[in-house]
């Protein structure tokens, strides 16, 4: 009967690495947006601000 020799440190590190990757994937799904999405939102905000500024009344 031969048993497989395992390095407990490697197993522990692999488990921790997998847990960190799982947490990172959850964070990406929750908080992550692509660069294109961020640029689109920023452009929409600029357009809305410009629209409001164009319709602002001048107090004289």
Protein backbone atom coordinates (compact mmCIF):
# COMPACT_ATOMS: atom_id res chain seq x y z
CA UNK A 1 0.00 0.00 0.00
CA UNK A 2 1.58 3.24 -1.12
CA UNK A 3 0.21 6.56 -0.02
CA UNK A 4 0.55 9.70 -2.03
CA UNK A 5 2.84 12.21 -0.37
CA UNK A 6 1.40 15.70 -0.29
CA UNK A 7 2.87 18.98 0.76
CA UNK A 8 0.41 20.50 3.24
CA UNK A 9 1.76 24.01 2.68
CA UNK A 10 1.02 23.78 -1.05
CA UNK A 11 -2.47 22.44 -0.39
CA UNK A 12 -3.18 25.24 2.09
CA UNK A 13 -1.89 27.90 -0.27
CA UNK A 14 -3.88 26.51 -3.20
CA UNK A 15 -7.03 26.53 -1.07
CA UNK A 16 -6.43 30.15 0.01
CA UNK A 17 -5.71 31.18 -3.57
CA UNK A 18 -8.97 29.58 -4.74
CA UNK A 19 -10.93 31.36 -2.01
CA UNK A 20 -9.36 34.74 -2.91
CA UNK A 21 -10.17 34.19 -6.59
CA UNK A 22 -13.76 33.31 -5.73
CA UNK A 23 -14.09 36.50 -3.67
CA UNK A 24 -12.51 38.56 -6.46
CA UNK A 25 -15.01 37.17 -8.98
CA UNK A 26 -17.90 38.08 -6.68
CA UNK A 27 -16.53 41.61 -6.28
CA UNK A 28 -16.11 41.98 -10.04
CA UNK A 29 -19.71 40.94 -10.58
CA UNK A 30 -20.95 43.32 -7.90
CA UNK A 31 -18.80 46.38 -8.45
CA UNK A 32 -17.06 45.94 -11.75
CA UNK A 33 -17.91 47.85 -14.88
CA UNK A 34 -16.07 47.78 -18.14
CA UNK A 35 -14.15 50.80 -19.38
CA UNK A 36 -16.74 51.28 -22.13
CA UNK A 37 -19.56 51.37 -19.56
CA UNK A 38 -17.72 53.95 -17.43
CA UNK A 39 -17.03 56.11 -20.48
CA UNK A 40 -20.66 55.88 -21.60
CA UNK A 41 -21.94 56.98 -18.18
CA UNK A 42 -19.41 59.83 -18.07
CA UNK A 43 -20.47 61.00 -21.56
CA UNK A 44 -24.15 60.87 -20.59
CA UNK A 45 -23.45 62.93 -17.47
CA UNK A 46 -21.54 65.53 -19.49
CA UNK A 47 -24.37 65.74 -22.03
CA UNK A 48 -26.96 66.20 -19.29
CA UNK A 49 -24.89 68.93 -17.62
CA UNK A 50 -24.35 70.68 -20.94
CA UNK A 51 -28.10 70.48 -21.67
CA UNK A 52 -28.93 72.06 -18.31
CA UNK A 53 -26.29 74.75 -18.72
CA UNK A 54 -27.60 75.62 -22.18
CA UNK A 55 -31.10 76.18 -20.78
CA UNK A 56 -30.03 78.14 -17.74
CA UNK A 57 -31.48 81.64 -17.43
CA UNK A 58 -29.21 84.62 -17.04
CA UNK A 59 -30.13 86.84 -14.09
CA UNK A 60 -29.53 90.49 -14.99
